[in-house]
């Protein structure tokens, strides 16, 4: 958590907050993401939104895997085991 807030040393509170929010909306949150987004936001004219785009991974998409199904595990945790 502390590392995510470190960009505040060099970027405005608003830029860091917006960077965190954008990272969360993309499902990519971490110190590097927040720092990168805050840096891009600082370079834009005030009031202009930064719209990060997803990277086309091309050939790497063949390694995509479906998300695991955790329903049975959730039931076990809830005491409704099979």
PDB file of N, CA and C in Angstrom:
ATOM      1  N   UNK A   1       0.822  -1.190   0.000  1.00  0.00           N
ATOM      2  CA  UNK A   1       0.000   0.000   0.000  1.00  0.00           C
ATOM      3  C   UNK A   1       0.869   1.258   0.000  1.00  0.00           C
ATOM      4  N   UNK A   2       1.913   1.242   0.792  1.00  0.00           N
ATOM      5  CA  UNK A   2       2.790   2.415   0.865  1.00  0.00           C
ATOM      6  C   UNK A   2       3.415   2.699  -0.494  1.00  0.00           C
ATOM      7  N   UNK A   3       3.873   1.658  -1.188  1.00  0.00           N
ATOM      8  CA  UNK A   3       4.502   1.852  -2.490  1.00  0.00           C
ATOM      9  C   UNK A   3       3.540   2.450  -3.506  1.00  0.00           C
ATOM     10  N   UNK A   4       2.263   2.121  -3.389  1.00  0.00           N
ATOM     11  CA  UNK A   4       1.268   2.664  -4.305  1.00  0.00           C
ATOM     12  C   UNK A   4       1.119   4.167  -4.091  1.00  0.00           C
ATOM     13  N   UNK A   5       1.329   4.631  -2.860  1.00  0.00           N
ATOM     14  CA  UNK A   5       1.177   6.052  -2.561  1.00  0.00           C
ATOM     15  C   UNK A   5       2.459   6.867  -2.750  1.00  0.00           C
ATOM     16  N   UNK A   6       3.595   6.223  -2.987  1.00  0.00           N
ATOM     17  CA  UNK A   6       4.860   6.947  -3.133  1.00  0.00           C
ATOM     18  C   UNK A   6       4.883   7.946  -4.287  1.00  0.00           C
ATOM     19  N   UNK A   7       4.173   7.722  -5.391  1.00  0.00           N
ATOM     20  CA  UNK A   7       4.180   8.745  -6.447  1.00  0.00           C
ATOM     21  C   UNK A   7       3.689  10.115  -5.968  1.00  0.00           C
ATOM     22  N   UNK A   8       3.032  10.150  -4.812  1.00  0.00           N
ATOM     23  CA  UNK A   8       2.557  11.420  -4.271  1.00  0.00           C
ATOM     24  C   UNK A   8       3.732  12.348  -3.960  1.00  0.00           C
ATOM     25  N   UNK A   9       4.925  11.802  -3.825  1.00  0.00           N
ATOM     26  CA  UNK A   9       6.118  12.632  -3.566  1.00  0.00           C
ATOM     27  C   UNK A   9       6.414  13.554  -4.740  1.00  0.00           C
ATOM     28  N   UNK A  10       6.111  13.099  -5.944  1.00  0.00           N
ATOM     29  CA  UNK A  10       6.457  13.890  -7.125  1.00  0.00           C
ATOM     30  C   UNK A  10       5.251  14.312  -7.955  1.00  0.00           C
ATOM     31  N   UNK A  11       4.082  13.795  -7.632  1.00  0.00           N
ATOM     32  CA  UNK A  11       2.875  14.114  -8.391  1.00  0.00           C
ATOM     33  C   UNK A  11       1.785  14.607  -7.446  1.00  0.00           C
ATOM     34  N   UNK A  12       0.837  15.318  -8.001  1.00  0.00           N
ATOM     35  CA  UNK A  12      -0.228  15.883  -7.176  1.00  0.00           C
ATOM     36  C   UNK A  12      -1.134  14.792  -6.605  1.00  0.00           C
ATOM     37  N   UNK A  13      -1.822  15.172  -5.543  1.00  0.00           N
ATOM     38  CA  UNK A  13      -2.762  14.256  -4.902  1.00  0.00           C
ATOM     39  C   UNK A  13      -3.836  13.817  -5.904  1.00  0.00           C
ATOM     40  N   UNK A  14      -4.323  14.748  -6.696  1.00  0.00           N
ATOM     41  CA  UNK A  14      -5.350  14.436  -7.682  1.00  0.00           C
ATOM     42  C   UNK A  14      -4.871  13.461  -8.737  1.00  0.00           C
ATOM     43  N   UNK A  15      -3.623  13.637  -9.191  1.00  0.00           N
ATOM     44  CA  UNK A  15      -3.077  12.740 -10.209  1.00  0.00           C
ATOM     45  C   UNK A  15      -2.905  11.333  -9.660  1.00  0.00           C
ATOM     46  N   UNK A  16      -2.440  11.219  -8.428  1.00  0.00           N
ATOM     47  CA  UNK A  16      -2.250   9.895  -7.828  1.00  0.00           C
ATOM     48  C   UNK A  16      -3.606   9.225  -7.589  1.00  0.00           C
ATOM     49  N   UNK A  17      -4.557   9.995  -7.117  1.00  0.00           N
ATOM     50  CA  UNK A  17      -5.892   9.437  -6.891  1.00  0.00           C
ATOM     51  C   UNK A  17      -6.498   8.942  -8.198  1.00  0.00           C
ATOM     52  N   UNK A  18      -6.410   9.763  -9.239  1.00  0.00           N
ATOM     53  CA  UNK A  18      -6.950   9.361 -10.536  1.00  0.00           C
ATOM     54  C   UNK A  18      -6.193   8.152 -11.084  1.00  0.00           C
ATOM     55  N   UNK A  19      -4.898   8.091 -10.868  1.00  0.00           N
ATOM     56  CA  UNK A  19      -4.101   6.951 -11.328  1.00  0.00           C
ATOM     57  C   UNK A  19      -4.550   5.667 -10.627  1.00  0.00           C
ATOM     58  N   UNK A  20      -4.805   5.749  -9.329  1.00  0.00           N
ATOM     59  CA  UNK A  20      -5.287   4.581  -8.582  1.00  0.00           C
ATOM     60  C   UNK A  20      -6.651   4.154  -9.106  1.00  0.00           C
ATOM     61  N   UNK A  21      -7.540   5.117  -9.303  1.00  0.00           N
ATOM     62  CA  UNK A  21      -8.883   4.801  -9.793  1.00  0.00           C
ATOM     63  C   UNK A  21      -8.838   4.161 -11.175  1.00  0.00           C
ATOM     64  N   UNK A  22      -7.993   4.677 -12.051  1.00  0.00           N
ATOM     65  CA  UNK A  22      -7.890   4.104 -13.391  1.00  0.00           C
ATOM     66  C   UNK A  22      -7.281   2.715 -13.348  1.00  0.00           C
ATOM     67  N   UNK A  23      -6.299   2.514 -12.488  1.00  0.00           N
ATOM     68  CA  UNK A  23      -5.718   1.183 -12.337  1.00  0.00           C
ATOM     69  C   UNK A  23      -6.756   0.180 -11.860  1.00  0.00           C
ATOM     70  N   UNK A  24      -7.558   0.591 -10.879  1.00  0.00           N
ATOM     71  CA  UNK A  24      -8.609  -0.290 -10.376  1.00  0.00           C
ATOM     72  C   UNK A  24      -9.631  -0.609 -11.458  1.00  0.00           C
ATOM     73  N   UNK A  25      -9.986   0.390 -12.262  1.00  0.00           N
ATOM     74  CA  UNK A  25     -10.988   0.157 -13.308  1.00  0.00           C
ATOM     75  C   UNK A  25     -10.490  -0.812 -14.367  1.00  0.00           C
ATOM     76  N   UNK A  26      -9.185  -0.875 -14.558  1.00  0.00           N
ATOM     77  CA  UNK A  26      -8.604  -1.800 -15.535  1.00  0.00           C
ATOM     78  C   UNK A  26      -8.217  -3.134 -14.919  1.00  0.00           C
ATOM     79  N   UNK A  27      -8.336  -3.238 -13.596  1.00  0.00           N
ATOM     80  CA  UNK A  27      -7.938  -4.468 -12.926  1.00  0.00           C
ATOM     81  C   UNK A  27      -6.428  -4.620 -12.837  1.00  0.00           C
ATOM     82  N   UNK A  28      -5.733  -3.512 -12.930  1.00  0.00           N
ATOM     83  CA  UNK A  28      -4.268  -3.539 -12.884  1.00  0.00           C
ATOM     84  C   UNK A  28      -3.810  -2.515 -11.862  1.00  0.00           C
ATOM     85  N   UNK A  29      -3.645  -2.962 -10.633  1.00  0.00           N
ATOM     86  CA  UNK A  29      -3.231  -2.027  -9.599  1.00  0.00           C
ATOM     87  C   UNK A  29      -1.911  -2.500  -9.003  1.00  0.00           C
ATOM     88  N   UNK A  30      -1.035  -1.588  -8.835  1.00  0.00           N
ATOM     89  CA  UNK A  30       0.267  -1.884  -8.266  1.00  0.00           C
ATOM     90  C   UNK A  30       1.105  -0.627  -8.319  1.00  0.00           C
ATOM     91  N   UNK A  31       2.229  -0.632  -7.661  1.00  0.00           N
ATOM     92  CA  UNK A  31       3.063   0.569  -7.633  1.00  0.00           C
ATOM     93  C   UNK A  31       3.479   1.052  -9.018  1.00  0.00           C
ATOM     94  N   UNK A  32       3.857   0.133  -9.880  1.00  0.00           N
ATOM     95  CA  UNK A  32       4.285   0.522 -11.222  1.00  0.00           C
ATOM     96  C   UNK A  32       3.175   1.131 -12.042  1.00  0.00           C
ATOM     97  N   UNK A  33       1.983   0.569 -11.925  1.00  0.00           N
ATOM     98  CA  UNK A  33       0.825   1.075 -12.666  1.00  0.00           C
ATOM     99  C   UNK A  33       0.485   2.486 -12.194  1.00  0.00           C
ATOM    100  N   UNK A  34       0.425   2.672 -10.893  1.00  0.00           N
ATOM    101  CA  UNK A  34       0.070   3.983 -10.350  1.00  0.00           C
ATOM    102  C   UNK A  34       1.120   5.017 -10.752  1.00  0.00           C
ATOM    103  N   UNK A  35       2.379   4.665 -10.669  1.00  0.00           N
ATOM    104  CA  UNK A  35       3.447   5.590 -11.041  1.00  0.00           C
ATOM    105  C   UNK A  35       3.355   5.961 -12.519  1.00  0.00           C
ATOM    106  N   UNK A  36       3.161   4.979 -13.379  1.00  0.00           N
ATOM    107  CA  UNK A  36       3.060   5.229 -14.813  1.00  0.00           C
ATOM    108  C   UNK A  36       1.864   6.116 -15.133  1.00  0.00           C
ATOM    109  N   UNK A  37       0.700   5.789 -14.582  1.00  0.00           N
ATOM    110  CA  UNK A  37      -0.501   6.579 -14.846  1.00  0.00           C
ATOM    111  C   UNK A  37      -0.349   7.995 -14.302  1.00  0.00           C
ATOM    112  N   UNK A  38       0.199   8.145 -13.105  1.00  0.00           N
ATOM    113  CA  UNK A  38       0.380   9.476 -12.520  1.00  0.00           C
ATOM    114  C   UNK A  38       1.334  10.308 -13.368  1.00  0.00           C
ATOM    115  N   UNK A  39       2.368   9.686 -13.889  1.00  0.00           N
ATOM    116  CA  UNK A  39       3.317  10.398 -14.750  1.00  0.00           C
ATOM    117  C   UNK A  39       2.627  10.895 -16.017  1.00  0.00           C
ATOM    118  N   UNK A  40       1.825  10.034 -16.630  1.00  0.00           N
ATOM    119  CA  UNK A  40       1.099  10.444 -17.827  1.00  0.00           C
ATOM    120  C   UNK A  40       0.100  11.556 -17.515  1.00  0.00           C
ATOM    121  N   UNK A  41      -0.581  11.455 -16.387  1.00  0.00           N
ATOM    122  CA  UNK A  41      -1.540  12.486 -16.001  1.00  0.00           C
ATOM    123  C   UNK A  41      -0.850  13.827 -15.776  1.00  0.00           C
ATOM    124  N   UNK A  42       0.343  13.807 -15.219  1.00  0.00           N
ATOM    125  CA  UNK A  42       1.081  15.041 -14.955  1.00  0.00           C
ATOM    126  C   UNK A  42       1.498  15.730 -16.250  1.00  0.00           C
ATOM    127  N   UNK A  43       1.667  14.972 -17.323  1.00  0.00           N
ATOM    128  CA  UNK A  43       2.102  15.539 -18.606  1.00  0.00           C
ATOM    129  C   UNK A  43       0.945  16.133 -19.408  1.00  0.00           C
ATOM    130  N   UNK A  44      -0.285  15.810 -19.041  1.00  0.00           N
ATOM    131  CA  UNK A  44      -1.448  16.307 -19.775  1.00  0.00           C
ATOM    132  C   UNK A  44      -1.867  17.680 -19.273  1.00  0.00           C
ATOM    133  N   UNK A  45      -2.482  18.470 -20.153  1.00  0.00           N
ATOM    134  CA  UNK A  45      -3.040  19.743 -19.678  1.00  0.00           C
ATOM    135  C   UNK A  45      -4.114  19.484 -18.627  1.00  0.00           C
ATOM    136  N   UNK A  46      -4.230  20.373 -17.661  1.00  0.00           N
ATOM    137  CA  UNK A  46      -5.195  20.190 -16.567  1.00  0.00           C
ATOM    138  C   UNK A  46      -6.609  20.018 -17.115  1.00  0.00           C
ATOM    139  N   UNK A  47      -7.296  19.058 -16.546  1.00  0.00           N
ATOM    140  CA  UNK A  47      -8.672  18.797 -16.940  1.00  0.00           C
ATOM    141  C   UNK A  47      -8.815  17.810 -18.084  1.00  0.00           C
ATOM    142  N   UNK A  48      -7.730  17.541 -18.772  1.00  0.00           N
ATOM    143  CA  UNK A  48      -7.793  16.578 -19.874  1.00  0.00           C
ATOM    144  C   UNK A  48      -7.595  15.174 -19.313  1.00  0.00           C
ATOM    145  N   UNK A  49      -8.531  14.268 -19.560  1.00  0.00           N
ATOM    146  CA  UNK A  49      -8.419  12.928 -18.979  1.00  0.00           C
ATOM    147  C   UNK A  49      -7.356  12.078 -19.670  1.00  0.00           C
ATOM    148  N   UNK A  50      -6.732  11.242 -18.913  1.00  0.00           N
ATOM    149  CA  UNK A  50      -5.785  10.262 -19.455  1.00  0.00           C
ATOM    150  C   UNK A  50      -6.553   8.972 -19.670  1.00  0.00           C
ATOM    151  N   UNK A  51      -6.547   8.484 -20.876  1.00  0.00           N
ATOM    152  CA  UNK A  51      -7.269   7.263 -21.224  1.00  0.00           C
ATOM    153  C   UNK A  51      -6.269   6.169 -21.578  1.00  0.00           C
ATOM    154  N   UNK A  52      -5.853   5.394 -20.584  1.00  0.00           N
ATOM    155  CA  UNK A  52      -4.927   4.302 -20.892  1.00  0.00           C
ATOM    156  C   UNK A  52      -5.623   3.272 -21.775  1.00  0.00           C
ATOM    157  N   UNK A  53      -4.866   2.685 -22.657  1.00  0.00           N
ATOM    158  CA  UNK A  53      -5.454   1.669 -23.532  1.00  0.00           C
ATOM    159  C   UNK A  53      -4.801   0.321 -23.238  1.00  0.00           C
ATOM    160  N   UNK A  54      -5.568  -0.713 -23.462  1.00  0.00           N
ATOM    161  CA  UNK A  54      -5.048  -2.055 -23.267  1.00  0.00           C
ATOM    162  C   UNK A  54      -4.120  -2.408 -24.420  1.00  0.00           C
ATOM    163  N   UNK A  55      -3.098  -3.131 -24.118  1.00  0.00           N
ATOM    164  CA  UNK A  55      -2.106  -3.535 -25.098  1.00  0.00           C
ATOM    165  C   UNK A  55      -2.575  -4.764 -25.848  1.00  0.00           C
ATOM    166  N   UNK A  56      -2.459  -4.725 -27.159  1.00  0.00           N
ATOM    167  CA  UNK A  56      -2.775  -5.894 -27.969  1.00  0.00           C
ATOM    168  C   UNK A  56      -1.597  -6.854 -27.847  1.00  0.00           C
ATOM    169  N   UNK A  57      -1.821  -8.005 -27.257  1.00  0.00           N
ATOM    170  CA  UNK A  57      -0.736  -8.942 -27.006  1.00  0.00           C
ATOM    171  C   UNK A  57      -0.508  -9.901 -28.167  1.00  0.00           C
ATOM    172  N   UNK A  58      -1.326  -9.800 -29.187  1.00  0.00           N
ATOM    173  CA  UNK A  58      -1.126 -10.580 -30.397  1.00  0.00           C
ATOM    174  C   UNK A  58      -0.939 -12.056 -30.143  1.00  0.00           C
ATOM    175  N   UNK A  59       0.209 -12.562 -30.516  1.00  0.00           N
ATOM    176  CA  UNK A  59       0.508 -13.989 -30.424  1.00  0.00           C
ATOM    177  C   UNK A  59       0.473 -14.528 -28.998  1.00  0.00           C
ATOM    178  N   UNK A  60       0.702 -13.668 -28.023  1.00  0.00           N
ATOM    179  CA  UNK A  60       0.691 -14.131 -26.638  1.00  0.00           C
ATOM    180  C   UNK A  60      -0.701 -14.543 -26.172  1.00  0.00           C
ATOM    181  N   UNK A  61      -1.729 -14.115 -26.894  1.00  0.00           N
ATOM    182  CA  UNK A  61      -3.092 -14.459 -26.485  1.00  0.00           C
ATOM    183  C   UNK A  61      -3.335 -15.967 -26.519  1.00  0.00           C
ATOM    184  N   UNK A  62      -2.500 -16.704 -27.221  1.00  0.00           N
ATOM    185  CA  UNK A  62      -2.674 -18.161 -27.246  1.00  0.00           C
ATOM    186  C   UNK A  62      -2.411 -18.787 -25.869  1.00  0.00           C
ATOM    187  N   UNK A  63      -1.795 -18.029 -24.965  1.00  0.00           N
ATOM    188  CA  UNK A  63      -1.532 -18.527 -23.618  1.00  0.00           C
ATOM    189  C   UNK A  63      -2.640 -18.162 -22.632  1.00  0.00           C
ATOM    190  N   UNK A  64      -3.681 -17.477 -23.106  1.00  0.00           N
ATOM    191  CA  UNK A  64      -4.805 -17.133 -22.235  1.00  0.00           C
ATOM    192  C   UNK A  64      -5.425 -18.396 -21.680  1.00  0.00           C
ATOM    193  N   UNK A  65      -5.821 -18.328 -20.433  1.00  0.00           N
ATOM    194  CA  UNK A  65      -6.471 -19.453 -19.781  1.00  0.00           C
ATOM    195  C   UNK A  65      -7.725 -18.947 -19.086  1.00  0.00           C
ATOM    196  N   UNK A  66      -8.766 -19.764 -19.011  1.00  0.00           N
ATOM    197  CA  UNK A  66      -9.979 -19.322 -18.319  1.00  0.00           C
ATOM    198  C   UNK A  66      -9.704 -19.166 -16.824  1.00  0.00           C
ATOM    199  N   UNK A  67     -10.458 -18.267 -16.214  1.00  0.00           N
ATOM    200  CA  UNK A  67     -10.337 -18.089 -14.771  1.00  0.00           C
ATOM    201  C   UNK A  67     -10.836 -19.342 -14.065  1.00  0.00           C
ATOM    202  N   UNK A  68     -10.222 -19.712 -12.957  1.00  0.00           N
ATOM    203  CA  UNK A  68     -10.668 -20.916 -12.241  1.00  0.00           C
ATOM    204  C   UNK A  68     -12.050 -20.713 -11.639  1.00  0.00           C
ATOM    205  N   UNK A  69     -12.789 -21.788 -11.556  1.00  0.00           N
ATOM    206  CA  UNK A  69     -14.101 -21.776 -10.913  1.00  0.00           C
ATOM    207  C   UNK A  69     -13.897 -22.109  -9.439  1.00  0.00           C
ATOM    208  N   UNK A  70     -14.314 -21.225  -8.573  1.00  0.00           N
ATOM    209  CA  UNK A  70     -14.061 -21.415  -7.138  1.00  0.00           C
ATOM    210  C   UNK A  70     -15.340 -21.680  -6.350  1.00  0.00           C
ATOM    211  N   UNK A  71     -16.424 -21.981  -7.032  1.00  0.00           N
ATOM    212  CA  UNK A  71     -17.701 -22.210  -6.356  1.00  0.00           C
ATOM    213  C   UNK A  71     -17.641 -23.308  -5.305  1.00  0.00           C
ATOM    214  N   UNK A  72     -16.998 -24.433  -5.637  1.00  0.00           N
ATOM    215  CA  UNK A  72     -16.907 -25.540  -4.687  1.00  0.00           C
ATOM    216  C   UNK A  72     -16.078 -25.136  -3.469  1.00  0.00           C
ATOM    217  N   UNK A  73     -15.016 -24.395  -3.681  1.00  0.00           N
ATOM    218  CA  UNK A  73     -14.186 -23.932  -2.582  1.00  0.00           C
ATOM    219  C   UNK A  73     -14.952 -22.956  -1.698  1.00  0.00           C
ATOM    220  N   UNK A  74     -15.698 -22.043  -2.341  1.00  0.00           N
ATOM    221  CA  UNK A  74     -16.514 -21.085  -1.588  1.00  0.00           C
ATOM    222  C   UNK A  74     -17.546 -21.811  -0.736  1.00  0.00           C
ATOM    223  N   UNK A  75     -18.158 -22.854  -1.299  1.00  0.00           N
ATOM    224  CA  UNK A  75     -19.150 -23.637  -0.545  1.00  0.00           C
ATOM    225  C   UNK A  75     -18.488 -24.317   0.644  1.00  0.00           C
ATOM    226  N   UNK A  76     -17.285 -24.834   0.449  1.00  0.00           N
ATOM    227  CA  UNK A  76     -16.561 -25.485   1.534  1.00  0.00           C
ATOM    228  C   UNK A  76     -16.270 -24.489   2.665  1.00  0.00           C
ATOM    229  N   UNK A  77     -15.855 -23.285   2.294  1.00  0.00           N
ATOM    230  CA  UNK A  77     -15.585 -22.258   3.295  1.00  0.00           C
ATOM    231  C   UNK A  77     -16.843 -21.852   4.047  1.00  0.00           C
ATOM    232  N   UNK A  78     -17.962 -21.892   3.357  1.00  0.00           N
ATOM    233  CA  UNK A  78     -19.228 -21.521   3.981  1.00  0.00           C
ATOM    234  C   UNK A  78     -19.831 -22.656   4.778  1.00  0.00           C
ATOM    235  N   UNK A  79     -19.153 -23.822   4.808  1.00  0.00           N
ATOM    236  CA  UNK A  79     -19.648 -24.970   5.567  1.00  0.00           C
ATOM    237  C   UNK A  79     -20.694 -25.776   4.843  1.00  0.00           C
ATOM    238  N   UNK A  80     -20.763 -25.595   3.531  1.00  0.00           N
ATOM    239  CA  UNK A  80     -21.734 -26.346   2.741  1.00  0.00           C
ATOM    240  C   UNK A  80     -21.027 -27.375   1.861  1.00  0.00           C
ATOM    241  N   UNK A  81     -19.945 -27.938   2.344  1.00  0.00           N
ATOM    242  CA  UNK A  81     -19.152 -28.896   1.555  1.00  0.00           C
ATOM    243  C   UNK A  81     -19.996 -29.969   0.914  1.00  0.00           C
ATOM    244  N   UNK A  82     -19.493 -30.533  -0.119  1.00  0.00           N
ATOM    245  CA  UNK A  82     -20.225 -31.538  -0.907  1.00  0.00           C
ATOM    246  C   UNK A  82     -20.374 -32.815  -0.192  1.00  0.00           C
TER     247      UNK A  82
END
